Amino acid sequence: MFNSKTFALSLILLPCTCFATVGGPQNLEVLGYESKEQKVYLLKHYLDGRGRLPQLYYYQFKNTKYPEKLIQVNSLYINPKTRKIDYDQDSRQFDKEIAKIKTRLNPLAPLPQSGIKIQVLKKITSKEKSWYDPKQYIPKYTYTYQLSSQNLKSQIHQAIIYRYGLSISQAYKIPQQQKILAVVKYLGIPFETGYTIEDPVLLTVKK
């Protein structure tokens, strides 16, 4: 015979293995180089439990005065029903479009990360309210930095970091170009135990 009290007690005693999460890392995936249009495509993955679509970017080197400009793609995120950008829609059509793009791309040749130098030009230390208790404060560091490698260097970039500083997590030689794509990694999300962010940085010939 079913005993509701015993059943309820057994549920209480079950170990809880699921935990809600509010944060997660932002990882960068380098898709490759499109020779005809001279573009490098990148995907930023947001692994925070929301399940949003990754953001597609590219660098354009053909017929441009600003090759260092990172261009965000919005056209793949238009919801066919609302005609508005929707990062939370079903991923199947998006995945098909990314697969089409990948067929046009050549992989980038990896480079030793140790060959990329990080020069911190300025570091500002401040505080902000913690995510777990508004009465508590945590340290925040604003880094202004530039990357270099032999005769190549990047523009000046900025990152907000909560600990550990900056590191190079990926580096690639771009085909047919005097350019290097580096990926800078840092702990930029303070929620929970902290999560990392990866940002792309383009190195071009020093002027």
N, C-alpha and C. Protein backbone atom coordinates (compact mmCIF):
# COMPACT_ATOMS: atom_id res chain seq x y z
N MET A 1 0.85 -1.20 0.00
CA MET A 1 0.00 0.00 0.00
C MET A 1 0.88 1.25 0.00
N PHE A 2 0.49 2.23 -0.79
CA PHE A 2 1.29 3.45 -0.92
C PHE A 2 1.21 4.28 0.35
N ASN A 3 2.37 4.64 0.89
CA ASN A 3 2.44 5.45 2.10
C ASN A 3 2.97 6.82 1.73
N SER A 4 2.10 7.82 1.75
CA SER A 4 2.49 9.16 1.30
C SER A 4 3.53 9.78 2.21
N LYS A 5 3.46 9.48 3.52
CA LYS A 5 4.44 10.06 4.44
C LYS A 5 5.83 9.50 4.18
N THR A 6 5.89 8.18 3.93
CA THR A 6 7.18 7.56 3.66
C THR A 6 7.77 8.08 2.36
N PHE A 7 6.92 8.27 1.34
CA PHE A 7 7.37 8.78 0.04
C PHE A 7 7.92 10.20 0.17
N ALA A 8 7.19 11.03 0.92
CA ALA A 8 7.64 12.42 1.11
C ALA A 8 8.97 12.47 1.84
N LEU A 9 9.12 11.60 2.85
CA LEU A 9 10.36 11.57 3.61
C LEU A 9 11.53 11.12 2.73
N SER A 10 11.26 10.16 1.84
CA SER A 10 12.33 9.67 0.97
C SER A 10 12.80 10.75 0.01
N LEU A 11 11.88 11.62 -0.44
CA LEU A 11 12.27 12.72 -1.31
C LEU A 11 13.15 13.72 -0.58
N ILE A 12 12.82 13.96 0.67
CA ILE A 12 13.61 14.90 1.47
C ILE A 12 15.03 14.40 1.65
N LEU A 13 15.17 13.07 1.81
CA LEU A 13 16.47 12.49 2.09
C LEU A 13 17.32 12.28 0.84
N LEU A 14 16.71 12.45 -0.36
CA LEU A 14 17.49 12.28 -1.58
C LEU A 14 18.56 13.35 -1.69
N PRO A 15 19.79 13.00 -2.10
CA PRO A 15 20.83 14.02 -2.27
C PRO A 15 20.50 14.93 -3.43
N CYS A 16 20.78 16.21 -3.26
CA CYS A 16 20.53 17.19 -4.31
C CYS A 16 21.78 17.34 -5.17
N THR A 17 21.67 17.03 -6.46
CA THR A 17 22.83 17.08 -7.36
C THR A 17 22.72 18.19 -8.39
N CYS A 18 21.65 18.99 -8.33
CA CYS A 18 21.46 20.06 -9.30
C CYS A 18 21.59 21.41 -8.61
N PHE A 19 22.39 22.28 -9.18
CA PHE A 19 22.59 23.60 -8.62
C PHE A 19 22.36 24.64 -9.70
N ALA A 20 21.64 25.68 -9.34
CA ALA A 20 21.41 26.76 -10.30
C ALA A 20 22.70 27.54 -10.49
N THR A 21 22.88 28.05 -11.68
CA THR A 21 24.07 28.85 -11.96
C THR A 21 23.66 30.15 -12.63
N VAL A 22 24.35 31.21 -12.30
CA VAL A 22 24.05 32.50 -12.92
C VAL A 22 25.20 32.96 -13.81
N GLY A 23 26.32 32.30 -13.69
CA GLY A 23 27.48 32.72 -14.46
C GLY A 23 28.08 31.58 -15.26
N GLY A 24 29.05 31.92 -16.08
CA GLY A 24 29.75 30.93 -16.88
C GLY A 24 30.79 31.63 -17.73
N PRO A 25 31.76 30.90 -18.25
CA PRO A 25 32.81 31.52 -19.06
C PRO A 25 32.31 31.95 -20.43
N GLN A 26 33.08 32.83 -21.05
CA GLN A 26 32.85 33.23 -22.44
C GLN A 26 34.08 32.79 -23.24
N ASN A 27 33.90 31.74 -24.03
CA ASN A 27 35.02 31.14 -24.76
C ASN A 27 34.98 31.51 -26.23
N LEU A 28 36.14 31.73 -26.79
CA LEU A 28 36.24 32.13 -28.19
C LEU A 28 36.67 30.95 -29.06
N GLU A 29 35.93 30.71 -30.12
CA GLU A 29 36.26 29.68 -31.10
C GLU A 29 36.67 30.35 -32.41
N VAL A 30 37.87 30.08 -32.86
CA VAL A 30 38.36 30.63 -34.13
C VAL A 30 37.95 29.68 -35.24
N LEU A 31 37.06 30.13 -36.13
CA LEU A 31 36.51 29.25 -37.15
C LEU A 31 37.45 29.07 -38.34
N GLY A 32 38.11 30.15 -38.78
CA GLY A 32 39.01 30.03 -39.91
C GLY A 32 39.02 31.27 -40.78
N TYR A 33 39.74 31.15 -41.91
CA TYR A 33 39.98 32.28 -42.81
C TYR A 33 39.33 32.02 -44.17
N GLU A 34 38.59 33.01 -44.65
CA GLU A 34 37.98 32.95 -45.97
C GLU A 34 38.87 33.72 -46.95
N SER A 35 39.54 33.00 -47.84
CA SER A 35 40.55 33.61 -48.71
C SER A 35 39.96 34.62 -49.68
N LYS A 36 38.83 34.29 -50.30
CA LYS A 36 38.26 35.16 -51.33
C LYS A 36 37.88 36.52 -50.77
N GLU A 37 37.20 36.53 -49.65
CA GLU A 37 36.74 37.79 -49.05
C GLU A 37 37.73 38.34 -48.02
N GLN A 38 38.77 37.57 -47.73
CA GLN A 38 39.80 37.96 -46.77
C GLN A 38 39.18 38.30 -45.40
N LYS A 39 38.49 37.31 -44.86
CA LYS A 39 37.84 37.46 -43.57
C LYS A 39 38.27 36.35 -42.62
N VAL A 40 38.40 36.69 -41.36
CA VAL A 40 38.60 35.70 -40.30
C VAL A 40 37.33 35.67 -39.46
N TYR A 41 36.75 34.48 -39.31
CA TYR A 41 35.49 34.33 -38.57
C TYR A 41 35.75 33.77 -37.17
N LEU A 42 34.99 34.29 -36.21
CA LEU A 42 35.11 33.89 -34.81
C LEU A 42 33.72 33.67 -34.22
N LEU A 43 33.64 32.77 -33.25
CA LEU A 43 32.40 32.56 -32.49
C LEU A 43 32.70 32.73 -31.01
N LYS A 44 31.93 33.57 -30.35
CA LYS A 44 32.05 33.67 -28.89
C LYS A 44 30.92 32.87 -28.26
N HIS A 45 31.28 31.88 -27.44
CA HIS A 45 30.31 31.02 -26.78
C HIS A 45 30.07 31.51 -25.35
N TYR A 46 28.79 31.68 -25.01
CA TYR A 46 28.40 32.13 -23.67
C TYR A 46 27.89 30.91 -22.90
N LEU A 47 28.71 30.42 -21.98
CA LEU A 47 28.42 29.17 -21.29
C LEU A 47 27.88 29.43 -19.89
N ASP A 48 26.86 30.27 -19.82
CA ASP A 48 26.35 30.69 -18.51
C ASP A 48 25.02 30.05 -18.14
N GLY A 49 24.59 29.04 -18.85
CA GLY A 49 23.35 28.37 -18.50
C GLY A 49 22.12 28.98 -19.15
N ARG A 50 22.26 30.16 -19.72
CA ARG A 50 21.12 30.79 -20.40
C ARG A 50 20.77 30.05 -21.68
N GLY A 51 21.80 29.54 -22.35
CA GLY A 51 21.56 28.81 -23.58
C GLY A 51 21.45 29.70 -24.80
N ARG A 52 21.92 30.94 -24.71
CA ARG A 52 21.83 31.84 -25.86
C ARG A 52 22.75 31.38 -26.98
N LEU A 53 22.44 31.81 -28.19
CA LEU A 53 23.26 31.46 -29.33
C LEU A 53 24.63 32.13 -29.22
N PRO A 54 25.67 31.46 -29.70
CA PRO A 54 26.99 32.12 -29.71
C PRO A 54 26.99 33.30 -30.68
N GLN A 55 27.85 34.27 -30.40
CA GLN A 55 27.91 35.47 -31.23
C GLN A 55 28.98 35.32 -32.31
N LEU A 56 28.57 35.56 -33.56
CA LEU A 56 29.49 35.47 -34.69
C LEU A 56 30.11 36.84 -34.98
N TYR A 57 31.43 36.83 -35.17
CA TYR A 57 32.18 38.04 -35.54
C TYR A 57 33.09 37.72 -36.72
N TYR A 58 33.60 38.77 -37.34
CA TYR A 58 34.67 38.57 -38.32
C TYR A 58 35.54 39.82 -38.41
N TYR A 59 36.78 39.59 -38.85
CA TYR A 59 37.68 40.67 -39.25
C TYR A 59 37.68 40.72 -40.77
N GLN A 60 37.60 41.93 -41.33
CA GLN A 60 37.59 42.13 -42.77
C GLN A 60 38.90 42.80 -43.19
N PHE A 61 39.66 42.14 -44.08
CA PHE A 61 40.95 42.69 -44.51
C PHE A 61 40.92 43.24 -45.94
N LYS A 62 39.87 42.96 -46.67
CA LYS A 62 39.78 43.37 -48.07
C LYS A 62 39.10 44.73 -48.19
N ASN A 63 39.75 45.65 -48.90
CA ASN A 63 39.18 46.97 -49.18
C ASN A 63 38.72 47.69 -47.91
N THR A 64 39.58 47.72 -46.92
CA THR A 64 39.23 48.42 -45.68
C THR A 64 40.43 49.16 -45.13
N LYS A 65 40.18 50.29 -44.52
CA LYS A 65 41.24 51.05 -43.86
C LYS A 65 41.38 50.64 -42.39
N TYR A 66 40.44 49.83 -41.91
CA TYR A 66 40.43 49.48 -40.49
C TYR A 66 40.37 47.96 -40.31
N PRO A 67 41.44 47.25 -40.64
CA PRO A 67 41.43 45.79 -40.51
C PRO A 67 41.31 45.31 -39.07
N GLU A 68 41.66 46.18 -38.10
CA GLU A 68 41.60 45.78 -36.70
C GLU A 68 40.18 45.80 -36.13
N LYS A 69 39.25 46.36 -36.90
CA LYS A 69 37.87 46.48 -36.40
C LYS A 69 37.18 45.12 -36.40
N LEU A 70 36.67 44.72 -35.25
CA LEU A 70 35.93 43.46 -35.13
C LEU A 70 34.47 43.73 -35.45
N ILE A 71 33.94 43.03 -36.45
CA ILE A 71 32.59 43.28 -36.94
C ILE A 71 31.64 42.22 -36.39
N GLN A 72 30.58 42.67 -35.77
CA GLN A 72 29.57 41.76 -35.21
C GLN A 72 28.50 41.45 -36.25
N VAL A 73 28.19 40.17 -36.41
CA VAL A 73 27.17 39.74 -37.37
C VAL A 73 25.82 39.68 -36.67
N ASN A 74 24.83 40.37 -37.21
CA ASN A 74 23.48 40.36 -36.63
C ASN A 74 22.46 39.61 -37.49
N SER A 75 22.75 39.45 -38.77
CA SER A 75 21.76 38.91 -39.70
C SER A 75 21.33 37.48 -39.38
N LEU A 76 22.20 36.70 -38.75
CA LEU A 76 21.87 35.30 -38.47
C LEU A 76 20.95 35.14 -37.26
N TYR A 77 20.66 36.23 -36.58
CA TYR A 77 19.90 36.14 -35.33
C TYR A 77 18.49 36.71 -35.44
N ILE A 78 18.06 37.03 -36.66
CA ILE A 78 16.72 37.57 -36.85
C ILE A 78 15.69 36.46 -36.69
N ASN A 79 14.78 36.64 -35.76
CA ASN A 79 13.70 35.68 -35.56
C ASN A 79 12.69 35.83 -36.70
N PRO A 80 12.39 34.76 -37.45
CA PRO A 80 11.48 34.88 -38.60
C PRO A 80 10.07 35.31 -38.22
N LYS A 81 9.68 35.09 -36.98
CA LYS A 81 8.33 35.46 -36.56
C LYS A 81 8.25 36.92 -36.12
N THR A 82 9.23 37.36 -35.34
CA THR A 82 9.18 38.73 -34.81
C THR A 82 9.96 39.72 -35.67
N ARG A 83 10.85 39.20 -36.55
CA ARG A 83 11.73 40.02 -37.38
C ARG A 83 12.69 40.86 -36.55
N LYS A 84 12.95 40.41 -35.34
CA LYS A 84 13.87 41.10 -34.45
C LYS A 84 15.01 40.16 -34.07
N ILE A 85 16.12 40.75 -33.62
CA ILE A 85 17.25 39.93 -33.16
C ILE A 85 16.84 39.15 -31.92
N ASP A 86 17.07 37.85 -31.96
CA ASP A 86 16.66 36.97 -30.87
C ASP A 86 17.76 35.94 -30.63
N TYR A 87 18.48 36.10 -29.53
CA TYR A 87 19.59 35.19 -29.23
C TYR A 87 19.12 33.91 -28.53
N ASP A 88 17.84 33.84 -28.20
CA ASP A 88 17.33 32.69 -27.45
C ASP A 88 16.45 31.77 -28.29
N GLN A 89 16.43 31.96 -29.59
CA GLN A 89 15.60 31.12 -30.44
C GLN A 89 16.26 29.77 -30.68
N ASP A 90 15.52 28.87 -31.31
CA ASP A 90 16.02 27.54 -31.63
C ASP A 90 17.30 27.65 -32.46
N SER A 91 18.26 26.79 -32.16
CA SER A 91 19.59 26.92 -32.77
C SER A 91 19.74 26.19 -34.10
N ARG A 92 18.75 25.44 -34.54
CA ARG A 92 18.94 24.57 -35.70
C ARG A 92 19.27 25.35 -36.98
N GLN A 93 18.53 26.41 -37.25
CA GLN A 93 18.81 27.19 -38.45
C GLN A 93 20.15 27.91 -38.35
N PHE A 94 20.45 28.41 -37.16
CA PHE A 94 21.74 29.07 -36.93
C PHE A 94 22.89 28.09 -37.17
N ASP A 95 22.75 26.88 -36.67
CA ASP A 95 23.80 25.87 -36.84
C ASP A 95 24.01 25.55 -38.32
N LYS A 96 22.94 25.53 -39.10
CA LYS A 96 23.06 25.28 -40.54
C LYS A 96 23.84 26.40 -41.22
N GLU A 97 23.57 27.64 -40.83
CA GLU A 97 24.26 28.78 -41.44
C GLU A 97 25.75 28.78 -41.07
N ILE A 98 26.05 28.43 -39.84
CA ILE A 98 27.45 28.35 -39.42
C ILE A 98 28.17 27.24 -40.18
N ALA A 99 27.48 26.12 -40.39
CA ALA A 99 28.07 25.01 -41.14
C ALA A 99 28.39 25.43 -42.58
N LYS A 100 27.51 26.24 -43.18
CA LYS A 100 27.76 26.74 -44.54
C LYS A 100 29.01 27.62 -44.57
N ILE A 101 29.13 28.49 -43.58
CA ILE A 101 30.29 29.38 -43.52
C ILE A 101 31.58 28.57 -43.37
N LYS A 102 31.54 27.55 -42.54
CA LYS A 102 32.73 26.74 -42.29
C LYS A 102 33.26 26.06 -43.55
N THR A 103 32.37 25.75 -44.50
CA THR A 103 32.81 25.08 -45.73
C THR A 103 33.69 26.00 -46.57
N ARG A 104 33.62 27.31 -46.34
CA ARG A 104 34.41 28.27 -47.12
C ARG A 104 35.73 28.63 -46.44
N LEU A 105 35.96 28.10 -45.26
CA LEU A 105 37.08 28.57 -44.45
C LEU A 105 38.26 27.62 -44.45
N ASN A 106 39.44 28.21 -44.34
CA ASN A 106 40.67 27.45 -44.13
C ASN A 106 41.12 27.64 -42.69
N PRO A 107 41.62 26.58 -42.07
CA PRO A 107 42.06 26.72 -40.67
C PRO A 107 43.28 27.62 -40.55
N LEU A 108 43.40 28.28 -39.42
CA LEU A 108 44.56 29.11 -39.14
C LEU A 108 45.67 28.26 -38.51
N ALA A 109 46.90 28.63 -38.80
CA ALA A 109 48.04 27.89 -38.25
C ALA A 109 48.33 28.38 -36.83
N PRO A 110 48.28 27.49 -35.84
CA PRO A 110 48.56 27.90 -34.45
C PRO A 110 50.01 28.37 -34.29
N LEU A 111 50.20 29.33 -33.40
CA LEU A 111 51.52 29.84 -33.05
C LEU A 111 51.77 29.63 -31.56
N PRO A 112 53.03 29.56 -31.16
CA PRO A 112 53.32 29.47 -29.72
C PRO A 112 52.80 30.71 -28.98
N GLN A 113 52.07 30.48 -27.94
CA GLN A 113 51.52 31.60 -27.18
C GLN A 113 52.62 32.43 -26.52
N SER A 114 53.74 31.79 -26.27
CA SER A 114 54.86 32.48 -25.62
C SER A 114 55.46 33.56 -26.52
N GLY A 115 55.15 33.50 -27.82
CA GLY A 115 55.69 34.49 -28.74
C GLY A 115 54.94 35.80 -28.74
N ILE A 116 53.85 35.87 -27.99
CA ILE A 116 53.05 37.10 -27.91
C ILE A 116 53.35 37.78 -26.58
N LYS A 117 53.75 39.03 -26.65
CA LYS A 117 54.08 39.79 -25.44
C LYS A 117 52.92 40.69 -25.05
N ILE A 118 52.57 40.65 -23.77
CA ILE A 118 51.52 41.53 -23.23
C ILE A 118 52.19 42.69 -22.50
N GLN A 119 51.93 43.88 -22.94
CA GLN A 119 52.45 45.07 -22.27
C GLN A 119 51.29 45.80 -21.59
N VAL A 120 51.31 45.83 -20.27
CA VAL A 120 50.28 46.54 -19.51
C VAL A 120 50.68 48.01 -19.46
N LEU A 121 49.89 48.85 -20.09
CA LEU A 121 50.19 50.28 -20.15
C LEU A 121 49.66 51.03 -18.93
N LYS A 122 48.58 50.51 -18.38
CA LYS A 122 47.98 51.18 -17.22
C LYS A 122 47.12 50.18 -16.46
N LYS A 123 47.15 50.29 -15.14
CA LYS A 123 46.34 49.42 -14.29
C LYS A 123 45.69 50.27 -13.20
N ILE A 124 44.37 50.26 -13.17
CA ILE A 124 43.62 51.03 -12.18
C ILE A 124 42.93 50.06 -11.23
N THR A 125 43.16 50.22 -9.94
CA THR A 125 42.54 49.37 -8.93
C THR A 125 41.37 50.10 -8.29
N SER A 126 40.23 49.42 -8.22
CA SER A 126 39.04 50.01 -7.60
C SER A 126 38.26 48.89 -6.91
N LYS A 127 37.06 49.21 -6.46
CA LYS A 127 36.20 48.23 -5.80
C LYS A 127 34.79 48.33 -6.36
N GLU A 128 34.06 47.22 -6.25
CA GLU A 128 32.65 47.25 -6.59
C GLU A 128 31.90 46.32 -5.64
N LYS A 129 30.59 46.51 -5.54
CA LYS A 129 29.79 45.69 -4.65
C LYS A 129 29.80 44.24 -5.13
N SER A 130 29.89 43.33 -4.19
CA SER A 130 29.93 41.91 -4.55
C SER A 130 28.56 41.43 -4.98
N TRP A 131 28.54 40.36 -5.77
CA TRP A 131 27.27 39.82 -6.26
C TRP A 131 26.50 39.10 -5.16
N TYR A 132 27.20 38.63 -4.13
CA TYR A 132 26.56 37.83 -3.09
C TYR A 132 26.10 38.66 -1.89
N ASP A 133 26.66 39.87 -1.73
CA ASP A 133 26.28 40.71 -0.60
C ASP A 133 26.61 42.16 -0.94
N PRO A 134 25.59 42.99 -1.16
CA PRO A 134 25.84 44.39 -1.55
C PRO A 134 26.58 45.20 -0.49
N LYS A 135 26.68 44.66 0.72
CA LYS A 135 27.43 45.35 1.76
C LYS A 135 28.92 45.03 1.70
N GLN A 136 29.25 44.01 0.92
CA GLN A 136 30.64 43.61 0.77
C GLN A 136 31.19 44.13 -0.57
N TYR A 137 32.48 44.39 -0.60
CA TYR A 137 33.12 44.89 -1.82
C TYR A 137 34.22 43.93 -2.27
N ILE A 138 34.41 43.87 -3.58
CA ILE A 138 35.47 43.04 -4.14
C ILE A 138 36.38 43.92 -4.99
N PRO A 139 37.66 43.56 -5.10
CA PRO A 139 38.57 44.38 -5.92
C PRO A 139 38.30 44.23 -7.41
N LYS A 140 38.48 45.31 -8.13
CA LYS A 140 38.31 45.33 -9.58
C LYS A 140 39.51 46.04 -10.19
N TYR A 141 40.04 45.46 -11.27
CA TYR A 141 41.23 46.02 -11.90
C TYR A 141 40.93 46.33 -13.37
N THR A 142 41.19 47.55 -13.77
CA THR A 142 41.01 47.94 -15.17
C THR A 142 42.39 48.00 -15.83
N TYR A 143 42.60 47.09 -16.77
CA TYR A 143 43.88 46.99 -17.47
C TYR A 143 43.78 47.66 -18.84
N THR A 144 44.73 48.50 -19.15
CA THR A 144 44.93 49.01 -20.51
C THR A 144 46.20 48.35 -21.03
N TYR A 145 46.10 47.67 -22.17
CA TYR A 145 47.23 46.85 -22.60
C TYR A 145 47.38 46.85 -24.12
N GLN A 146 48.53 46.35 -24.55
CA GLN A 146 48.84 46.21 -25.98
C GLN A 146 49.65 44.94 -26.17
N LEU A 147 49.40 44.24 -27.28
CA LEU A 147 50.14 43.03 -27.60
C LEU A 147 51.16 43.31 -28.70
N SER A 148 52.25 42.56 -28.67
CA SER A 148 53.26 42.69 -29.72
C SER A 148 53.93 41.35 -29.95
N SER A 149 54.45 41.20 -31.17
CA SER A 149 55.21 40.00 -31.55
C SER A 149 56.12 40.37 -32.71
N GLN A 150 57.41 40.48 -32.43
CA GLN A 150 58.40 40.89 -33.42
C GLN A 150 57.99 42.22 -34.06
N ASN A 151 57.68 42.23 -35.36
CA ASN A 151 57.35 43.49 -36.03
C ASN A 151 55.84 43.76 -36.07
N LEU A 152 55.07 43.03 -35.29
CA LEU A 152 53.62 43.21 -35.26
C LEU A 152 53.19 43.72 -33.89
N LYS A 153 52.13 44.51 -33.89
CA LYS A 153 51.56 44.97 -32.63
C LYS A 153 50.07 45.20 -32.79
N SER A 154 49.38 45.24 -31.67
CA SER A 154 47.93 45.46 -31.68
C SER A 154 47.62 46.91 -31.38
N GLN A 155 46.36 47.24 -31.53
CA GLN A 155 45.88 48.51 -31.01
C GLN A 155 45.83 48.40 -29.48
N ILE A 156 45.54 49.49 -28.83
CA ILE A 156 45.43 49.49 -27.37
C ILE A 156 44.05 49.00 -26.96
N HIS A 157 44.02 48.04 -26.04
CA HIS A 157 42.77 47.43 -25.59
C HIS A 157 42.61 47.62 -24.08
N GLN A 158 41.40 47.34 -23.63
CA GLN A 158 41.11 47.47 -22.20
C GLN A 158 40.29 46.27 -21.73
N ALA A 159 40.54 45.85 -20.50
CA ALA A 159 39.81 44.72 -19.91
C ALA A 159 39.60 44.98 -18.42
N ILE A 160 38.42 44.60 -17.94
CA ILE A 160 38.12 44.68 -16.50
C ILE A 160 38.30 43.28 -15.92
N ILE A 161 39.17 43.19 -14.92
CA ILE A 161 39.60 41.89 -14.40
C ILE A 161 39.38 41.86 -12.89
N TYR A 162 39.06 40.68 -12.38
CA TYR A 162 38.81 40.55 -10.95
C TYR A 162 39.91 39.78 -10.22
N ARG A 163 40.74 39.07 -10.94
CA ARG A 163 41.98 38.52 -10.37
C ARG A 163 42.76 37.78 -11.46
N TYR A 164 44.02 37.53 -11.16
CA TYR A 164 44.95 36.72 -11.97
C TYR A 164 45.61 37.45 -13.13
N GLY A 165 45.11 38.57 -13.60
CA GLY A 165 45.76 39.27 -14.70
C GLY A 165 45.40 38.71 -16.07
N LEU A 166 46.23 39.06 -17.08
CA LEU A 166 45.98 38.69 -18.48
C LEU A 166 46.87 37.54 -18.91
N SER A 167 46.36 36.73 -19.83
CA SER A 167 47.18 35.67 -20.42
C SER A 167 46.76 35.46 -21.88
N ILE A 168 47.63 34.84 -22.65
CA ILE A 168 47.32 34.49 -24.04
C ILE A 168 46.90 33.03 -24.07
N SER A 169 45.67 32.76 -24.50
CA SER A 169 45.18 31.38 -24.53
C SER A 169 45.25 30.75 -25.91
N GLN A 170 45.27 31.59 -26.97
CA GLN A 170 45.37 31.09 -28.34
C GLN A 170 46.13 32.11 -29.18
N ALA A 171 46.82 31.64 -30.22
CA ALA A 171 47.49 32.54 -31.15
C ALA A 171 47.59 31.85 -32.51
N TYR A 172 47.36 32.63 -33.59
CA TYR A 172 47.32 32.05 -34.94
C TYR A 172 47.95 33.00 -35.95
N LYS A 173 48.62 32.41 -36.93
CA LYS A 173 49.08 33.16 -38.10
C LYS A 173 47.96 33.16 -39.13
N ILE A 174 47.64 34.34 -39.65
CA ILE A 174 46.57 34.45 -40.64
C ILE A 174 47.15 34.25 -42.04
N PRO A 175 46.61 33.33 -42.82
CA PRO A 175 47.15 33.06 -44.16
C PRO A 175 47.12 34.29 -45.06
N GLN A 176 48.16 34.44 -45.87
CA GLN A 176 48.24 35.50 -46.88
C GLN A 176 48.21 36.91 -46.29
N GLN A 177 48.44 37.01 -45.00
CA GLN A 177 48.39 38.31 -44.34
C GLN A 177 49.58 38.44 -43.39
N GLN A 178 50.07 39.65 -43.24
CA GLN A 178 51.09 39.91 -42.22
C GLN A 178 50.37 40.28 -40.92
N LYS A 179 49.67 39.30 -40.40
CA LYS A 179 48.84 39.54 -39.23
C LYS A 179 48.81 38.30 -38.35
N ILE A 180 48.60 38.53 -37.06
CA ILE A 180 48.44 37.46 -36.09
C ILE A 180 47.15 37.71 -35.32
N LEU A 181 46.41 36.65 -35.09
CA LEU A 181 45.23 36.72 -34.23
C LEU A 181 45.58 36.09 -32.89
N ALA A 182 45.48 36.87 -31.84
CA ALA A 182 45.72 36.36 -30.49
C ALA A 182 44.41 36.41 -29.70
N VAL A 183 44.31 35.53 -28.72
CA VAL A 183 43.14 35.50 -27.84
C VAL A 183 43.62 35.76 -26.41
N VAL A 184 43.10 36.83 -25.83
CA VAL A 184 43.47 37.22 -24.47
C VAL A 184 42.42 36.67 -23.50
N LYS A 185 42.90 36.04 -22.44
CA LYS A 185 42.02 35.42 -21.46
C LYS A 185 42.21 36.05 -20.10
N TYR A 186 41.10 36.27 -19.39
CA TYR A 186 41.17 36.88 -18.06
C TYR A 186 39.90 36.57 -17.29
N LEU A 187 39.98 36.69 -15.97
CA LEU A 187 38.80 36.45 -15.14
C LEU A 187 38.00 37.75 -15.10
N GLY A 188 36.99 37.82 -15.95
CA GLY A 188 36.23 39.06 -16.11
C GLY A 188 34.80 39.00 -15.62
N ILE A 189 34.39 37.85 -15.07
CA ILE A 189 33.02 37.70 -14.55
C ILE A 189 33.14 37.29 -13.08
N PRO A 190 32.71 38.14 -12.15
CA PRO A 190 32.96 37.88 -10.73
C PRO A 190 31.94 36.97 -10.06
N PHE A 191 30.88 36.56 -10.74
CA PHE A 191 29.83 35.76 -10.12
C PHE A 191 30.36 34.41 -9.64
N GLU A 192 29.76 33.92 -8.55
CA GLU A 192 30.11 32.62 -7.98
C GLU A 192 31.62 32.55 -7.73
N THR A 193 32.30 31.56 -8.27
CA THR A 193 33.75 31.44 -8.06
C THR A 193 34.55 32.23 -9.08
N GLY A 194 33.87 32.89 -10.02
CA GLY A 194 34.54 33.66 -11.05
C GLY A 194 34.64 32.89 -12.35
N TYR A 195 34.47 33.59 -13.48
CA TYR A 195 34.53 32.94 -14.79
C TYR A 195 35.38 33.78 -15.74
N THR A 196 35.98 33.09 -16.69
CA THR A 196 36.91 33.75 -17.61
C THR A 196 36.20 34.25 -18.87
N ILE A 197 36.82 35.25 -19.47
CA ILE A 197 36.40 35.80 -20.76
C ILE A 197 37.58 35.71 -21.71
N GLU A 198 37.30 35.37 -22.96
CA GLU A 198 38.32 35.38 -24.01
C GLU A 198 37.96 36.45 -25.04
N ASP A 199 38.92 37.34 -25.32
CA ASP A 199 38.73 38.41 -26.30
C ASP A 199 39.73 38.26 -27.44
N PRO A 200 39.29 38.50 -28.68
CA PRO A 200 40.24 38.46 -29.80
C PRO A 200 41.01 39.77 -29.92
N VAL A 201 42.27 39.67 -30.28
CA VAL A 201 43.11 40.85 -30.49
C VAL A 201 43.93 40.62 -31.76
N LEU A 202 43.86 41.57 -32.68
CA LEU A 202 44.57 41.44 -33.95
C LEU A 202 45.88 42.22 -33.91
N LEU A 203 46.96 41.56 -34.32
CA LEU A 203 48.27 42.21 -34.42
C LEU A 203 48.59 42.44 -35.89
N THR A 204 48.97 43.67 -36.22
CA THR A 204 49.31 44.02 -37.59
C THR A 204 50.72 44.63 -37.63
N VAL A 205 51.19 44.94 -38.82
CA VAL A 205 52.54 45.49 -38.97
C VAL A 205 52.64 46.83 -38.25
N LYS A 206 53.71 46.99 -37.49
CA LYS A 206 53.92 48.23 -36.75
C LYS A 206 54.11 49.40 -37.71
N LYS A 207 53.48 50.52 -37.37
CA LYS A 207 53.60 51.72 -38.21
C LYS A 207 54.52 52.72 -37.55
